[in-house]
Amino acid sequence: MINPIKVIIAEDIAPIRKRYVKILGSHPEIQVLADVDNGIDACKKASELKPDVILMDIEMECKDAGIRATGEILSENPQIKIIILTVYEEDELIFSAFRLGACDYILKNASEEEILQGIIGAYHNSSPIRPEIADKIRNEFQRVKTYESSFLFMLNLLSTLTPRELDTLYLLSNGYSKKDVCELRCVEMSTVKSQVHNILKKFNKKKIADVITTEAERHLLGTILQNHPKN
């Protein structure tokens, strides 16, 4: 007798979880070892039962519970194949799962045939690069390329600022007013206005609020400031 493909199902919505149990339980080559409704139990059962494949919902007790569980399980048992279950094709979450080692993803409303083929394919290391996944990979490469380009551009612009200009920009981008900067730095308003003028000119912006617009840029500015010698 052929050894069955041992599967754990992690899904917090009971009707969906029961549907998967029924579908997999009817297939002669698949054995459902356990079904759980949260990432913590998924990790425990994976450690205890050593399944071949896990169907892992992304969002259970918290939005990224399945992602966290995937990382923990594969760090201890890299041979386990994890297929992500999701309602929406959220690129960022899906790629987080792929980066941690998930081998495929299935939409929760997938047909019985798709679910079974996904499990069998994962078990035999033949999960397909479906057209929609290929598109996501291309989109992710483009996103990373764009991010790196913008990051380097911002880094280059920040490097043109003097230490005092960096300090002024950091304070203003964190909600301080020009008056606050004057008091904190013990300088005249004319000095702060001059620094702001220089910053806007170097960044080719009309308002200081348009210079630092994301938390990542604010963090980069803070890091540069911490490592920059004061004048």
Protein backbone atom coordinates (compact mmCIF):
# COMPACT_ATOMS: atom_id res chain seq x y z
CA MET A 1 0.00 0.00 0.00
CA ILE A 2 1.26 3.47 -0.91
CA ASN A 3 1.96 5.72 2.05
CA PRO A 4 -0.63 8.51 2.11
CA ILE A 5 0.24 12.20 1.94
CA LYS A 6 -0.08 13.40 5.53
CA VAL A 7 -1.76 16.81 5.80
CA ILE A 8 -2.58 19.35 8.52
CA ILE A 9 -5.23 22.00 7.88
CA ALA A 10 -4.93 25.38 9.62
CA GLU A 11 -8.03 27.51 8.98
CA ASP A 12 -10.01 29.56 11.51
CA ILE A 13 -13.37 29.57 9.68
CA ALA A 14 -15.06 26.31 10.68
CA PRO A 15 -17.20 25.70 7.55
CA ILE A 16 -14.19 26.22 5.28
CA ARG A 17 -12.02 23.99 7.47
CA LYS A 18 -14.69 21.25 7.42
CA ARG A 19 -14.93 21.52 3.65
CA TYR A 20 -11.19 20.88 3.31
CA VAL A 21 -11.38 17.96 5.74
CA LYS A 22 -14.18 16.43 3.67
CA ILE A 23 -12.39 16.98 0.34
CA LEU A 24 -9.07 15.58 1.52
CA GLY A 25 -10.63 12.79 3.53
CA SER A 26 -12.30 11.42 0.41
CA HIS A 27 -9.03 11.08 -1.48
CA PRO A 28 -7.34 7.67 -1.10
CA GLU A 29 -3.81 9.10 -1.27
CA ILE A 30 -4.30 11.76 1.43
CA GLN A 31 -4.59 11.48 5.20
CA VAL A 32 -5.70 14.43 7.35
CA LEU A 33 -3.66 14.26 10.55
CA ALA A 34 -5.27 17.27 12.24
CA ASP A 35 -7.26 20.43 11.63
CA VAL A 36 -6.68 23.54 13.76
CA ASP A 37 -8.01 27.08 13.86
CA ASN A 38 -4.92 29.12 14.78
CA GLY A 39 -1.22 29.50 14.03
CA ILE A 40 -0.05 28.47 17.49
CA ASP A 41 -1.75 25.08 17.27
CA ALA A 42 -0.52 24.69 13.69
CA CYS A 43 3.05 24.99 14.96
CA LYS A 44 2.41 22.51 17.81
CA LYS A 45 0.77 19.92 15.55
CA ALA A 46 3.46 20.30 12.91
CA SER A 47 6.13 19.61 15.53
CA GLU A 48 4.26 16.64 16.99
CA LEU A 49 2.90 14.97 13.85
CA LYS A 50 5.47 15.86 11.16
CA PRO A 51 3.04 16.21 8.22
CA ASP A 52 4.09 16.21 4.59
CA VAL A 53 1.93 19.21 3.67
CA ILE A 54 0.15 21.98 5.59
CA LEU A 55 -2.71 24.06 4.25
CA MET A 56 -2.09 27.35 6.07
CA ASP A 57 -4.55 30.22 6.27
CA ILE A 58 -2.78 33.59 6.30
CA GLU A 59 -5.15 35.40 8.64
CA MET A 60 -6.28 33.56 11.78
CA GLU A 61 -5.83 34.86 15.35
CA CYS A 62 -4.11 37.89 13.82
CA LYS A 63 -3.62 39.26 10.31
CA ASP A 64 -0.27 37.55 9.72
CA ALA A 65 -0.70 34.47 11.95
CA GLY A 66 -0.18 32.11 9.03
CA ILE A 67 2.96 33.94 7.94
CA ARG A 68 4.43 33.72 11.44
CA ALA A 69 3.51 30.06 11.74
CA THR A 70 5.04 29.32 8.34
CA GLY A 71 8.34 30.86 9.38
CA GLU A 72 8.43 29.00 12.71
CA ILE A 73 7.47 25.63 11.22
CA LEU A 74 9.92 25.77 8.33
CA SER A 75 12.78 26.90 10.57
CA GLU A 76 12.40 23.64 12.50
CA ASN A 77 11.07 21.34 9.77
CA PRO A 78 12.16 22.65 6.35
CA GLN A 79 11.02 19.47 4.63
CA ILE A 80 7.34 20.27 5.28
CA LYS A 81 5.52 21.76 2.29
CA ILE A 82 3.28 24.70 3.18
CA ILE A 83 0.50 25.92 0.91
CA ILE A 84 -0.95 29.30 1.80
CA LEU A 85 -4.74 29.71 1.91
CA THR A 86 -6.05 33.19 1.18
CA VAL A 87 -9.27 34.97 0.30
CA TYR A 88 -7.62 37.79 -1.64
CA GLU A 89 -4.44 37.70 -3.68
CA GLU A 90 -2.56 40.15 -1.48
CA ASP A 91 0.86 40.41 -3.08
CA GLU A 92 2.75 41.57 0.01
CA LEU A 93 1.46 38.81 2.30
CA ILE A 94 1.84 36.11 -0.34
CA PHE A 95 5.43 37.13 -1.04
CA SER A 96 6.17 37.20 2.67
CA ALA A 97 5.08 33.56 2.76
CA PHE A 98 7.13 32.66 -0.31
CA ARG A 99 10.22 34.34 1.16
CA LEU A 100 9.83 32.16 4.26
CA GLY A 101 9.61 29.02 2.14
CA ALA A 102 5.93 28.40 1.31
CA CYS A 103 5.71 26.51 -1.97
CA ASP A 104 2.30 27.58 -3.29
CA TYR A 105 -0.94 29.38 -2.50
CA ILE A 106 -4.58 28.50 -3.09
CA LEU A 107 -7.60 30.77 -3.01
CA LYS A 108 -10.15 29.63 -0.43
CA ASN A 109 -12.87 29.34 -3.07
CA ALA A 110 -10.70 27.09 -5.25
CA SER A 111 -12.30 24.00 -6.73
CA GLU A 112 -11.88 20.56 -5.19
CA GLU A 113 -9.61 19.59 -8.08
CA GLU A 114 -7.34 22.62 -7.58
CA ILE A 115 -6.97 21.88 -3.87
CA LEU A 116 -6.10 18.23 -4.43
CA GLN A 117 -3.71 19.00 -7.27
CA GLY A 118 -2.03 21.66 -5.13
CA ILE A 119 -1.39 19.20 -2.30
CA ILE A 120 -0.19 16.40 -4.56
CA GLY A 121 2.01 18.81 -6.51
CA ALA A 122 3.56 20.20 -3.31
CA TYR A 123 4.25 16.70 -1.99
CA HIS A 124 6.04 15.74 -5.21
CA ASN A 125 7.97 19.04 -5.37
CA SER A 126 6.17 19.98 -8.56
CA SER A 127 4.10 22.99 -7.52
CA PRO A 128 3.51 24.91 -10.76
CA ILE A 129 4.56 28.49 -11.41
CA ARG A 130 1.08 29.50 -12.49
CA PRO A 131 0.68 32.56 -14.76
CA GLU A 132 -0.73 34.65 -11.91
CA ILE A 133 2.26 33.77 -9.70
CA ALA A 134 4.66 34.62 -12.52
CA ASP A 135 2.95 38.00 -12.84
CA LYS A 136 3.30 38.58 -9.11
CA ILE A 137 7.00 37.75 -9.26
CA ARG A 138 7.50 40.24 -12.07
CA ASN A 139 5.53 42.86 -10.15
CA GLU A 140 7.59 42.21 -7.02
CA PHE A 141 10.87 42.61 -8.88
CA GLN A 142 9.60 45.89 -10.30
CA ARG A 143 8.47 47.06 -6.85
CA VAL A 144 11.85 46.22 -5.32
CA LYS A 145 13.68 47.92 -8.18
CA THR A 146 11.55 51.05 -7.78
CA TYR A 147 12.04 51.05 -4.01
CA GLU A 148 15.80 50.69 -4.29
CA SER A 149 15.97 53.49 -6.84
CA SER A 150 13.91 55.83 -4.66
CA PHE A 151 15.91 54.87 -1.55
CA LEU A 152 19.22 55.64 -3.23
CA PHE A 153 17.82 58.90 -4.62
CA MET A 154 16.68 59.98 -1.15
CA LEU A 155 20.01 58.95 0.39
CA ASN A 156 21.87 61.01 -2.19
CA LEU A 157 19.74 64.10 -1.51
CA LEU A 158 20.07 63.79 2.27
CA SER A 159 23.84 63.54 1.92
CA THR A 160 23.87 67.07 0.47
CA LEU A 161 22.49 68.56 3.71
CA THR A 162 24.67 69.97 6.46
CA PRO A 163 24.36 68.46 9.97
CA ARG A 164 22.26 71.44 11.11
CA GLU A 165 20.01 71.18 8.07
CA LEU A 166 19.56 67.47 8.77
CA ASP A 167 18.67 68.25 12.37
CA THR A 168 16.18 70.95 11.35
CA LEU A 169 14.59 68.71 8.72
CA TYR A 170 14.27 65.84 11.23
CA LEU A 171 12.54 68.03 13.81
CA LEU A 172 10.16 69.61 11.29
CA SER A 173 9.29 66.23 9.73
CA ASN A 174 8.41 64.93 13.20
CA GLY A 175 5.84 67.61 13.89
CA TYR A 176 7.89 70.38 15.49
CA SER A 177 7.23 73.95 14.37
CA LYS A 178 9.88 76.44 13.31
CA LYS A 179 9.38 78.18 16.66
CA ASP A 180 9.97 74.86 18.46
CA VAL A 181 13.18 74.35 16.50
CA CYS A 182 14.37 77.82 17.49
CA GLU A 183 13.77 77.09 21.17
CA LEU A 184 15.28 73.60 21.08
CA ARG A 185 18.34 74.74 19.17
CA CYS A 186 18.65 78.18 20.81
CA VAL A 187 18.86 79.92 17.44
CA GLU A 188 17.10 82.84 15.77
CA MET A 189 14.09 82.35 13.49
CA SER A 190 16.13 83.78 10.60
CA THR A 191 18.61 80.92 10.99
CA VAL A 192 15.89 78.26 10.81
CA LYS A 193 14.22 79.96 7.84
CA SER A 194 17.55 80.05 6.03
CA GLN A 195 18.08 76.34 6.66
CA VAL A 196 14.56 75.55 5.45
CA HIS A 197 15.20 77.60 2.30
CA ASN A 198 18.39 75.62 1.63
CA ILE A 199 16.64 72.28 2.23
CA LEU A 200 13.79 73.12 -0.16
CA LYS A 201 16.23 74.29 -2.80
CA LYS A 202 18.30 71.09 -2.60
CA PHE A 203 15.18 68.90 -2.78
CA ASN A 204 13.46 71.11 -5.35
CA LYS A 205 10.32 71.29 -3.19
CA LYS A 206 8.00 74.15 -2.26
CA LYS A 207 6.98 72.90 1.20
CA ILE A 208 8.96 71.20 3.92
CA ALA A 209 6.11 68.67 4.30
CA ASP A 210 6.88 67.41 0.77
CA VAL A 211 10.50 66.56 1.58
CA ILE A 212 10.01 63.61 3.95
CA THR A 213 6.75 61.82 3.14
CA THR A 214 7.11 58.24 4.43
CA GLU A 215 8.09 56.53 7.66
CA ALA A 216 10.95 54.77 5.83
CA GLU A 217 12.38 58.14 4.76
CA ARG A 218 11.99 59.50 8.29
CA HIS A 219 13.84 56.48 9.66
CA LEU A 220 16.61 56.94 7.08
CA LEU A 221 16.95 60.59 8.04
CA GLY A 222 17.17 59.69 11.73
CA THR A 223 19.84 57.06 11.06
CA ILE A 224 21.95 59.50 9.04
CA LEU A 225 21.59 62.15 11.73
CA GLN A 226 22.69 59.77 14.48
CA ASN A 227 25.85 58.89 12.57
CA HIS A 228 26.66 62.39 11.32
CA PRO A 229 29.18 64.54 13.22
CA LYS A 230 27.75 67.78 14.60
CA ASN A 231 29.10 71.14 13.50
